[in-house]
Amino acid sequence: VFIECWDAVFHWDILQRTLKKDLPVNPHGIRYLAVENEDEIPYDMIMLLSLSSMWKTRMSLRHADVNVRTVRENFIGNIVYVREVYRALAEPPDWLPL
């Protein structure tokens, strides 16, 4: 249900345009992360981080947190964290500079 809110629809639209990839934003695609990872770019991980960002924002709103971060802010925070983890590897993946 929370995937259909305006903030989430806006987020998916911008994300797909930025990645130039049509992500399966439907019940099957979300449940099974049915995304083809081309050029070893982990689109399934990006999609999962997006879902996590939406969930964090939704739960912050539901619990009436004082400092609610937007989906975009949560997503950027998640991506920065994952990027730093991959940079710490001895051989970072080829797609990391994206």
PDB file of N, CA and C in Angstrom:
ATOM      1  N   VAL A   1       0.829  -1.191   0.000  1.00  0.00           N
ATOM      2  CA  VAL A   1       0.000   0.000   0.000  1.00  0.00           C
ATOM      3  C   VAL A   1       0.873   1.254   0.000  1.00  0.00           C
ATOM      4  N   PHE A   2       1.928   1.286   0.802  1.00  0.00           N
ATOM      5  CA  PHE A   2       2.737   2.504   0.895  1.00  0.00           C
ATOM      6  C   PHE A   2       3.507   2.786  -0.389  1.00  0.00           C
ATOM      7  N   ILE A   3       3.602   1.817  -1.287  1.00  0.00           N
ATOM      8  CA  ILE A   3       4.313   2.029  -2.548  1.00  0.00           C
ATOM      9  C   ILE A   3       3.527   2.957  -3.456  1.00  0.00           C
ATOM     10  N   GLU A   4       2.215   3.072  -3.239  1.00  0.00           N
ATOM     11  CA  GLU A   4       1.379   3.904  -4.090  1.00  0.00           C
ATOM     12  C   GLU A   4       1.235   5.339  -3.586  1.00  0.00           C
ATOM     13  N   CYS A   5       1.890   5.702  -2.486  1.00  0.00           N
ATOM     14  CA  CYS A   5       1.812   7.085  -2.029  1.00  0.00           C
ATOM     15  C   CYS A   5       2.626   7.966  -2.985  1.00  0.00           C
ATOM     16  N   TRP A   6       2.335   9.257  -2.996  1.00  0.00           N
ATOM     17  CA  TRP A   6       2.951  10.151  -3.977  1.00  0.00           C
ATOM     18  C   TRP A   6       4.457  10.223  -3.845  1.00  0.00           C
ATOM     19  N   ASP A   7       4.965  10.213  -2.632  1.00  0.00           N
ATOM     20  CA  ASP A   7       6.409  10.288  -2.430  1.00  0.00           C
ATOM     21  C   ASP A   7       7.099   9.075  -3.053  1.00  0.00           C
ATOM     22  N   ALA A   8       6.501   7.911  -2.890  1.00  0.00           N
ATOM     23  CA  ALA A   8       7.078   6.687  -3.452  1.00  0.00           C
ATOM     24  C   ALA A   8       6.983   6.665  -4.969  1.00  0.00           C
ATOM     25  N   VAL A   9       5.849   7.078  -5.512  1.00  0.00           N
ATOM     26  CA  VAL A   9       5.685   7.117  -6.971  1.00  0.00           C
ATOM     27  C   VAL A   9       6.714   8.066  -7.577  1.00  0.00           C
ATOM     28  N   PHE A  10       6.893   9.206  -6.960  1.00  0.00           N
ATOM     29  CA  PHE A  10       7.875  10.186  -7.418  1.00  0.00           C
ATOM     30  C   PHE A  10       9.287   9.600  -7.351  1.00  0.00           C
ATOM     31  N   HIS A  11       9.596   8.917  -6.244  1.00  0.00           N
ATOM     32  CA  HIS A  11      10.917   8.306  -6.064  1.00  0.00           C
ATOM     33  C   HIS A  11      11.186   7.259  -7.149  1.00  0.00           C
ATOM     34  N   TRP A  12      10.236   6.357  -7.387  1.00  0.00           N
ATOM     35  CA  TRP A  12      10.424   5.317  -8.409  1.00  0.00           C
ATOM     36  C   TRP A  12      10.626   5.938  -9.784  1.00  0.00           C
ATOM     37  N   ASP A  13       9.861   6.969 -10.083  1.00  0.00           N
ATOM     38  CA  ASP A  13       9.961   7.613 -11.392  1.00  0.00           C
ATOM     39  C   ASP A  13      11.356   8.201 -11.604  1.00  0.00           C
ATOM     40  N   ILE A  14      11.842   8.943 -10.630  1.00  0.00           N
ATOM     41  CA  ILE A  14      13.171   9.553 -10.740  1.00  0.00           C
ATOM     42  C   ILE A  14      14.259   8.480 -10.776  1.00  0.00           C
ATOM     43  N   LEU A  15      14.114   7.448  -9.949  1.00  0.00           N
ATOM     44  CA  LEU A  15      15.119   6.385  -9.909  1.00  0.00           C
ATOM     45  C   LEU A  15      15.226   5.672 -11.256  1.00  0.00           C
ATOM     46  N   GLN A  16      14.093   5.334 -11.850  1.00  0.00           N
ATOM     47  CA  GLN A  16      14.108   4.635 -13.136  1.00  0.00           C
ATOM     48  C   GLN A  16      14.667   5.519 -14.250  1.00  0.00           C
ATOM     49  N   ARG A  17      14.351   6.786 -14.213  1.00  0.00           N
ATOM     50  CA  ARG A  17      14.902   7.696 -15.225  1.00  0.00           C
ATOM     51  C   ARG A  17      16.407   7.870 -15.051  1.00  0.00           C
ATOM     52  N   THR A  18      16.866   7.936 -13.815  1.00  0.00           N
ATOM     53  CA  THR A  18      18.291   8.097 -13.552  1.00  0.00           C
ATOM     54  C   THR A  18      19.075   6.857 -13.983  1.00  0.00           C
ATOM     55  N   LEU A  19      18.554   5.685 -13.640  1.00  0.00           N
ATOM     56  CA  LEU A  19      19.235   4.439 -13.987  1.00  0.00           C
ATOM     57  C   LEU A  19      19.034   4.038 -15.444  1.00  0.00           C
ATOM     58  N   LYS A  20      18.059   4.670 -16.095  1.00  0.00           N
ATOM     59  CA  LYS A  20      17.673   4.298 -17.467  1.00  0.00           C
ATOM     60  C   LYS A  20      17.358   2.813 -17.534  1.00  0.00           C
ATOM     61  N   LYS A  21      16.570   2.364 -16.548  1.00  0.00           N
ATOM     62  CA  LYS A  21      16.216   0.958 -16.405  1.00  0.00           C
ATOM     63  C   LYS A  21      14.767   0.884 -15.955  1.00  0.00           C
ATOM     64  N   ASP A  22      14.000   0.010 -16.591  1.00  0.00           N
ATOM     65  CA  ASP A  22      12.607  -0.178 -16.213  1.00  0.00           C
ATOM     66  C   ASP A  22      12.541  -1.231 -15.110  1.00  0.00           C
ATOM     67  N   LEU A  23      12.377  -0.787 -13.871  1.00  0.00           N
ATOM     68  CA  LEU A  23      12.317  -1.704 -12.738  1.00  0.00           C
ATOM     69  C   LEU A  23      10.902  -2.256 -12.589  1.00  0.00           C
ATOM     70  N   PRO A  24      10.776  -3.517 -12.181  1.00  0.00           N
ATOM     71  CA  PRO A  24       9.445  -4.116 -12.034  1.00  0.00           C
ATOM     72  C   PRO A  24       8.767  -3.677 -10.737  1.00  0.00           C
ATOM     73  N   VAL A  25       8.113  -2.541 -10.771  1.00  0.00           N
ATOM     74  CA  VAL A  25       7.429  -2.025  -9.588  1.00  0.00           C
ATOM     75  C   VAL A  25       6.003  -2.574  -9.604  1.00  0.00           C
ATOM     76  N   ASN A  26       5.899  -3.845  -9.264  1.00  0.00           N
ATOM     77  CA  ASN A  26       4.618  -4.539  -9.169  1.00  0.00           C
ATOM     78  C   ASN A  26       4.762  -5.585  -8.069  1.00  0.00           C
ATOM     79  N   PRO A  27       3.671  -6.200  -7.626  1.00  0.00           N
ATOM     80  CA  PRO A  27       3.784  -7.154  -6.514  1.00  0.00           C
ATOM     81  C   PRO A  27       4.796  -8.281  -6.758  1.00  0.00           C
ATOM     82  N   HIS A  28       4.825  -8.839  -7.953  1.00  0.00           N
ATOM     83  CA  HIS A  28       5.763  -9.932  -8.243  1.00  0.00           C
ATOM     84  C   HIS A  28       7.211  -9.433  -8.229  1.00  0.00           C
ATOM     85  N   GLY A  29       7.456  -8.304  -8.868  1.00  0.00           N
ATOM     86  CA  GLY A  29       8.807  -7.761  -8.923  1.00  0.00           C
ATOM     87  C   GLY A  29       9.339  -7.369  -7.557  1.00  0.00           C
ATOM     88  N   ILE A  30       8.459  -6.856  -6.713  1.00  0.00           N
ATOM     89  CA  ILE A  30       8.879  -6.446  -5.375  1.00  0.00           C
ATOM     90  C   ILE A  30       9.092  -7.658  -4.474  1.00  0.00           C
ATOM     91  N   ARG A  31       8.221  -8.635  -4.572  1.00  0.00           N
ATOM     92  CA  ARG A  31       8.343  -9.821  -3.720  1.00  0.00           C
ATOM     93  C   ARG A  31       9.583 -10.639  -4.057  1.00  0.00           C
ATOM     94  N   TYR A  32       9.853 -10.825  -5.346  1.00  0.00           N
ATOM     95  CA  TYR A  32      10.948 -11.701  -5.759  1.00  0.00           C
ATOM     96  C   TYR A  32      12.163 -10.950  -6.308  1.00  0.00           C
ATOM     97  N   LEU A  33      12.116  -9.627  -6.323  1.00  0.00           N
ATOM     98  CA  LEU A  33      13.192  -8.802  -6.871  1.00  0.00           C
ATOM     99  C   LEU A  33      13.613  -9.325  -8.245  1.00  0.00           C
ATOM    100  N   ALA A  34      12.614  -9.476  -9.099  1.00  0.00           N
ATOM    101  CA  ALA A  34      12.814 -10.047 -10.436  1.00  0.00           C
ATOM    102  C   ALA A  34      13.391  -8.999 -11.385  1.00  0.00           C
ATOM    103  N   VAL A  35      14.663  -8.675 -11.178  1.00  0.00           N
ATOM    104  CA  VAL A  35      15.341  -7.662 -11.986  1.00  0.00           C
ATOM    105  C   VAL A  35      16.548  -8.320 -12.642  1.00  0.00           C
ATOM    106  N   GLU A  36      16.723  -8.066 -13.925  1.00  0.00           N
ATOM    107  CA  GLU A  36      17.913  -8.571 -14.605  1.00  0.00           C
ATOM    108  C   GLU A  36      19.072  -7.613 -14.341  1.00  0.00           C
ATOM    109  N   ASN A  37      20.139  -8.151 -13.772  1.00  0.00           N
ATOM    110  CA  ASN A  37      21.318  -7.344 -13.460  1.00  0.00           C
ATOM    111  C   ASN A  37      22.254  -7.340 -14.662  1.00  0.00           C
ATOM    112  N   GLU A  38      22.176  -6.284 -15.453  1.00  0.00           N
ATOM    113  CA  GLU A  38      23.015  -6.161 -16.638  1.00  0.00           C
ATOM    114  C   GLU A  38      24.347  -5.522 -16.261  1.00  0.00           C
ATOM    115  N   ASP A  39      25.401  -5.947 -16.926  1.00  0.00           N
ATOM    116  CA  ASP A  39      26.739  -5.391 -16.698  1.00  0.00           C
ATOM    117  C   ASP A  39      27.160  -5.491 -15.239  1.00  0.00           C
ATOM    118  N   GLU A  40      26.678  -6.498 -14.545  1.00  0.00           N
ATOM    119  CA  GLU A  40      27.003  -6.755 -13.142  1.00  0.00           C
ATOM    120  C   GLU A  40      26.573  -5.633 -12.197  1.00  0.00           C
ATOM    121  N   ILE A  41      25.716  -4.737 -12.644  1.00  0.00           N
ATOM    122  CA  ILE A  41      25.191  -3.683 -11.770  1.00  0.00           C
ATOM    123  C   ILE A  41      24.050  -4.286 -10.956  1.00  0.00           C
ATOM    124  N   PRO A  42      24.110  -4.217  -9.626  1.00  0.00           N
ATOM    125  CA  PRO A  42      23.103  -4.878  -8.788  1.00  0.00           C
ATOM    126  C   PRO A  42      21.794  -4.071  -8.682  1.00  0.00           C
ATOM    127  N   TYR A  43      20.994  -4.105  -9.740  1.00  0.00           N
ATOM    128  CA  TYR A  43      19.726  -3.381  -9.729  1.00  0.00           C
ATOM    129  C   TYR A  43      18.790  -3.909  -8.648  1.00  0.00           C
ATOM    130  N   ASP A  44      18.900  -5.199  -8.325  1.00  0.00           N
ATOM    131  CA  ASP A  44      18.058  -5.747  -7.275  1.00  0.00           C
ATOM    132  C   ASP A  44      18.399  -5.122  -5.922  1.00  0.00           C
ATOM    133  N   MET A  45      19.687  -4.879  -5.671  1.00  0.00           N
ATOM    134  CA  MET A  45      20.091  -4.236  -4.420  1.00  0.00           C
ATOM    135  C   MET A  45      19.599  -2.787  -4.378  1.00  0.00           C
ATOM    136  N   ILE A  46      19.688  -2.092  -5.503  1.00  0.00           N
ATOM    137  CA  ILE A  46      19.216  -0.712  -5.564  1.00  0.00           C
ATOM    138  C   ILE A  46      17.713  -0.664  -5.310  1.00  0.00           C
ATOM    139  N   MET A  47      16.995  -1.625  -5.882  1.00  0.00           N
ATOM    140  CA  MET A  47      15.549  -1.686  -5.675  1.00  0.00           C
ATOM    141  C   MET A  47      15.227  -1.982  -4.203  1.00  0.00           C
ATOM    142  N   LEU A  48      15.981  -2.876  -3.593  1.00  0.00           N
ATOM    143  CA  LEU A  48      15.773  -3.208  -2.187  1.00  0.00           C
ATOM    144  C   LEU A  48      16.086  -2.019  -1.277  1.00  0.00           C
ATOM    145  N   LEU A  49      17.132  -1.269  -1.591  1.00  0.00           N
ATOM    146  CA  LEU A  49      17.453  -0.071  -0.816  1.00  0.00           C
ATOM    147  C   LEU A  49      16.354   0.983  -0.957  1.00  0.00           C
ATOM    148  N   SER A  50      15.748   1.056  -2.135  1.00  0.00           N
ATOM    149  CA  SER A  50      14.625   1.981  -2.341  1.00  0.00           C
ATOM    150  C   SER A  50      13.439   1.589  -1.476  1.00  0.00           C
ATOM    151  N   LEU A  51      13.114   0.305  -1.474  1.00  0.00           N
ATOM    152  CA  LEU A  51      12.000  -0.171  -0.650  1.00  0.00           C
ATOM    153  C   LEU A  51      12.271   0.086   0.832  1.00  0.00           C
ATOM    154  N   SER A  52      13.504  -0.141   1.249  1.00  0.00           N
ATOM    155  CA  SER A  52      13.879   0.113   2.638  1.00  0.00           C
ATOM    156  C   SER A  52      13.738   1.593   2.984  1.00  0.00           C
ATOM    157  N   SER A  53      14.117   2.456   2.068  1.00  0.00           N
ATOM    158  CA  SER A  53      14.013   3.904   2.293  1.00  0.00           C
ATOM    159  C   SER A  53      12.562   4.331   2.449  1.00  0.00           C
ATOM    160  N   MET A  54      11.702   3.772   1.606  1.00  0.00           N
ATOM    161  CA  MET A  54      10.270   4.094   1.706  1.00  0.00           C
ATOM    162  C   MET A  54       9.694   3.602   3.025  1.00  0.00           C
ATOM    163  N   TRP A  55      10.102   2.409   3.433  1.00  0.00           N
ATOM    164  CA  TRP A  55       9.595   1.835   4.677  1.00  0.00           C
ATOM    165  C   TRP A  55      10.045   2.677   5.874  1.00  0.00           C
ATOM    166  N   LYS A  56      11.319   3.095   5.883  1.00  0.00           N
ATOM    167  CA  LYS A  56      11.820   3.925   6.986  1.00  0.00           C
ATOM    168  C   LYS A  56      11.037   5.232   7.095  1.00  0.00           C
ATOM    169  N   THR A  57      10.791   5.868   5.959  1.00  0.00           N
ATOM    170  CA  THR A  57      10.042   7.126   5.967  1.00  0.00           C
ATOM    171  C   THR A  57       8.620   6.898   6.439  1.00  0.00           C
ATOM    172  N   ARG A  58       8.000   5.854   5.952  1.00  0.00           N
ATOM    173  CA  ARG A  58       6.610   5.552   6.328  1.00  0.00           C
ATOM    174  C   ARG A  58       6.500   5.278   7.822  1.00  0.00           C
ATOM    175  N   MET A  59       7.447   4.514   8.372  1.00  0.00           N
ATOM    176  CA  MET A  59       7.411   4.201   9.799  1.00  0.00           C
ATOM    177  C   MET A  59       7.684   5.445  10.645  1.00  0.00           C
ATOM    178  N   SER A  60       8.549   6.327  10.168  1.00  0.00           N
ATOM    179  CA  SER A  60       8.801   7.579  10.888  1.00  0.00           C
ATOM    180  C   SER A  60       7.536   8.425  10.952  1.00  0.00           C
ATOM    181  N   LEU A  61       6.815   8.479   9.842  1.00  0.00           N
ATOM    182  CA  LEU A  61       5.550   9.225   9.823  1.00  0.00           C
ATOM    183  C   LEU A  61       4.508   8.570  10.722  1.00  0.00           C
ATOM    184  N   ARG A  62       4.444   7.260  10.669  1.00  0.00           N
ATOM    185  CA  ARG A  62       3.445   6.531  11.460  1.00  0.00           C
ATOM    186  C   ARG A  62       3.671   6.710  12.956  1.00  0.00           C
ATOM    187  N   HIS A  63       4.941   6.748  13.348  1.00  0.00           N
ATOM    188  CA  HIS A  63       5.265   6.884  14.767  1.00  0.00           C
ATOM    189  C   HIS A  63       5.444   8.342  15.187  1.00  0.00           C
ATOM    190  N   ALA A  64       5.111   9.261  14.288  1.00  0.00           N
ATOM    191  CA  ALA A  64       5.145  10.702  14.566  1.00  0.00           C
ATOM    192  C   ALA A  64       6.506  11.159  15.081  1.00  0.00           C
ATOM    193  N   ASP A  65       7.559  10.690  14.430  1.00  0.00           N
ATOM    194  CA  ASP A  65       8.903  11.138  14.787  1.00  0.00           C
ATOM    195  C   ASP A  65       9.030  12.633  14.525  1.00  0.00           C
ATOM    196  N   VAL A  66       9.855  13.277  15.313  1.00  0.00           N
ATOM    197  CA  VAL A  66      10.048  14.715  15.178  1.00  0.00           C
ATOM    198  C   VAL A  66      10.842  15.037  13.917  1.00  0.00           C
ATOM    199  N   ASN A  67      11.907  14.315  13.678  1.00  0.00           N
ATOM    200  CA  ASN A  67      12.763  14.557  12.515  1.00  0.00           C
ATOM    201  C   ASN A  67      12.564  13.452  11.482  1.00  0.00           C
ATOM    202  N   VAL A  68      11.560  13.599  10.652  1.00  0.00           N
ATOM    203  CA  VAL A  68      11.272  12.607   9.616  1.00  0.00           C
ATOM    204  C   VAL A  68      12.126  12.912   8.393  1.00  0.00           C
ATOM    205  N   ARG A  69      12.881  11.919   7.957  1.00  0.00           N
ATOM    206  CA  ARG A  69      13.691  12.062   6.741  1.00  0.00           C
ATOM    207  C   ARG A  69      12.848  11.640   5.542  1.00  0.00           C
ATOM    208  N   THR A  70      13.028  12.316   4.426  1.00  0.00           N
ATOM    209  CA  THR A  70      12.284  11.969   3.219  1.00  0.00           C
ATOM    210  C   THR A  70      12.826  10.661   2.642  1.00  0.00           C
ATOM    211  N   VAL A  71      12.073  10.085   1.708  1.00  0.00           N
ATOM    212  CA  VAL A  71      12.524   8.868   1.037  1.00  0.00           C
ATOM    213  C   VAL A  71      13.869   9.124   0.365  1.00  0.00           C
ATOM    214  N   ARG A  72      13.994  10.266  -0.265  1.00  0.00           N
ATOM    215  CA  ARG A  72      15.244  10.622  -0.952  1.00  0.00           C
ATOM    216  C   ARG A  72      16.416  10.659   0.027  1.00  0.00           C
ATOM    217  N   GLU A  73      16.233  11.287   1.184  1.00  0.00           N
ATOM    218  CA  GLU A  73      17.308  11.375   2.176  1.00  0.00           C
ATOM    219  C   GLU A  73      17.691   9.994   2.702  1.00  0.00           C
ATOM    220  N   ASN A  74      16.683   9.158   2.986  1.00  0.00           N
ATOM    221  CA  ASN A  74      16.968   7.798   3.444  1.00  0.00           C
ATOM    222  C   ASN A  74      17.698   6.997   2.370  1.00  0.00           C
ATOM    223  N   PHE A  75      17.262   7.140   1.116  1.00  0.00           N
ATOM    224  CA  PHE A  75      17.881   6.404   0.016  1.00  0.00           C
ATOM    225  C   PHE A  75      19.338   6.821  -0.172  1.00  0.00           C
ATOM    226  N   ILE A  76      19.600   8.110  -0.150  1.00  0.00           N
ATOM    227  CA  ILE A  76      20.979   8.594  -0.302  1.00  0.00           C
ATOM    228  C   ILE A  76      21.846   8.084   0.848  1.00  0.00           C
ATOM    229  N   GLY A  77      21.316   8.097   2.058  1.00  0.00           N
ATOM    230  CA  GLY A  77      22.056   7.565   3.205  1.00  0.00           C
ATOM    231  C   GLY A  77      22.383   6.089   3.043  1.00  0.00           C
ATOM    232  N   ASN A  78      21.417   5.313   2.556  1.00  0.00           N
ATOM    233  CA  ASN A  78      21.650   3.884   2.324  1.00  0.00           C
ATOM    234  C   ASN A  78      22.712   3.662   1.252  1.00  0.00           C
ATOM    235  N   ILE A  79      22.607   4.402   0.155  1.00  0.00           N
ATOM    236  CA  ILE A  79      23.556   4.249  -0.952  1.00  0.00           C
ATOM    237  C   ILE A  79      24.967   4.646  -0.517  1.00  0.00           C
ATOM    238  N   VAL A  80      25.092   5.722   0.236  1.00  0.00           N
ATOM    239  CA  VAL A  80      26.412   6.157   0.722  1.00  0.00           C
ATOM    240  C   VAL A  80      27.026   5.078   1.611  1.00  0.00           C
ATOM    241  N   TYR A  81      26.214   4.489   2.484  1.00  0.00           N
ATOM    242  CA  TYR A  81      26.712   3.433   3.369  1.00  0.00           C
ATOM    243  C   TYR A  81      27.192   2.222   2.565  1.00  0.00           C
ATOM    244  N   VAL A  82      26.388   1.773   1.609  1.00  0.00           N
ATOM    245  CA  VAL A  82      26.755   0.615   0.786  1.00  0.00           C
ATOM    246  C   VAL A  82      28.009   0.920  -0.036  1.00  0.00           C
ATOM    247  N   ARG A  83      28.093   2.127  -0.575  1.00  0.00           N
ATOM    248  CA  ARG A  83      29.268   2.512  -1.358  1.00  0.00           C
ATOM    249  C   ARG A  83      30.535   2.434  -0.508  1.00  0.00           C
ATOM    250  N   GLU A  84      30.470   2.916   0.733  1.00  0.00           N
ATOM    251  CA  GLU A  84      31.641   2.877   1.612  1.00  0.00           C
ATOM    252  C   GLU A  84      32.032   1.441   1.957  1.00  0.00           C
ATOM    253  N   VAL A  85      31.054   0.572   2.134  1.00  0.00           N
ATOM    254  CA  VAL A  85      31.348  -0.839   2.409  1.00  0.00           C
ATOM    255  C   VAL A  85      32.067  -1.463   1.221  1.00  0.00           C
ATOM    256  N   TYR A  86      31.577  -1.206   0.012  1.00  0.00           N
ATOM    257  CA  TYR A  86      32.221  -1.761  -1.181  1.00  0.00           C
ATOM    258  C   TYR A  86      33.596  -1.145  -1.429  1.00  0.00           C
ATOM    259  N   ARG A  87      33.786   0.103  -1.096  1.00  0.00           N
ATOM    260  CA  ARG A  87      35.107   0.739  -1.263  1.00  0.00           C
ATOM    261  C   ARG A  87      36.150   0.111  -0.346  1.00  0.00           C
ATOM    262  N   ALA A  88      35.726  -0.416   0.787  1.00  0.00           N
ATOM    263  CA  ALA A  88      36.649  -1.018   1.743  1.00  0.00           C
ATOM    264  C   ALA A  88      37.159  -2.382   1.282  1.00  0.00           C
ATOM    265  N   LEU A  89      36.539  -2.961   0.258  1.00  0.00           N
ATOM    266  CA  LEU A  89      36.989  -4.254  -0.249  1.00  0.00           C
ATOM    267  C   LEU A  89      38.350  -4.125  -0.924  1.00  0.00           C
ATOM    268  N   ALA A  90      39.085  -5.229  -0.953  1.00  0.00           N
ATOM    269  CA  ALA A  90      40.396  -5.228  -1.614  1.00  0.00           C
ATOM    270  C   ALA A  90      40.250  -4.906  -3.099  1.00  0.00           C
ATOM    271  N   GLU A  91      39.233  -5.465  -3.736  1.00  0.00           N
ATOM    272  CA  GLU A  91      38.952  -5.182  -5.147  1.00  0.00           C
ATOM    273  C   GLU A  91      37.510  -4.704  -5.275  1.00  0.00           C
ATOM    274  N   PRO A  92      37.289  -3.400  -5.295  1.00  0.00           N
ATOM    275  CA  PRO A  92      35.919  -2.894  -5.446  1.00  0.00           C
ATOM    276  C   PRO A  92      35.342  -3.307  -6.800  1.00  0.00           C
ATOM    277  N   PRO A  93      34.028  -3.498  -6.883  1.00  0.00           N
ATOM    278  CA  PRO A  93      33.414  -3.887  -8.153  1.00  0.00           C
ATOM    279  C   PRO A  93      33.549  -2.791  -9.214  1.00  0.00           C
ATOM    280  N   ASP A  94      33.463  -3.198 -10.471  1.00  0.00           N
ATOM    281  CA  ASP A  94      33.614  -2.262 -11.592  1.00  0.00           C
ATOM    282  C   ASP A  94      32.503  -1.224 -11.644  1.00  0.00           C
ATOM    283  N   TRP A  95      31.318  -1.562 -11.151  1.00  0.00           N
ATOM    284  CA  TRP A  95      30.174  -0.660 -11.246  1.00  0.00           C
ATOM    285  C   TRP A  95      30.176   0.402 -10.153  1.00  0.00           C
ATOM    286  N   LEU A  96      31.080   0.332  -9.204  1.00  0.00           N
ATOM    287  CA  LEU A  96      31.059   1.240  -8.046  1.00  0.00           C
ATOM    288  C   LEU A  96      31.102   2.722  -8.406  1.00  0.00           C
ATOM    289  N   PRO A  97      31.837   3.171  -9.410  1.00  0.00           N
ATOM    290  CA  PRO A  97      31.845   4.612  -9.716  1.00  0.00           C
ATOM    291  C   PRO A  97      30.501   5.171 -10.180  1.00  0.00           C
ATOM    292  N   LEU A  98      29.525   4.319 -10.466  1.00  0.00           N
ATOM    293  CA  LEU A  98      28.219   4.833 -10.876  1.00  0.00           C
ATOM    294  C   LEU A  98      27.696   5.726  -9.800  1.00  0.00           C
TER     295      LEU A  98
END
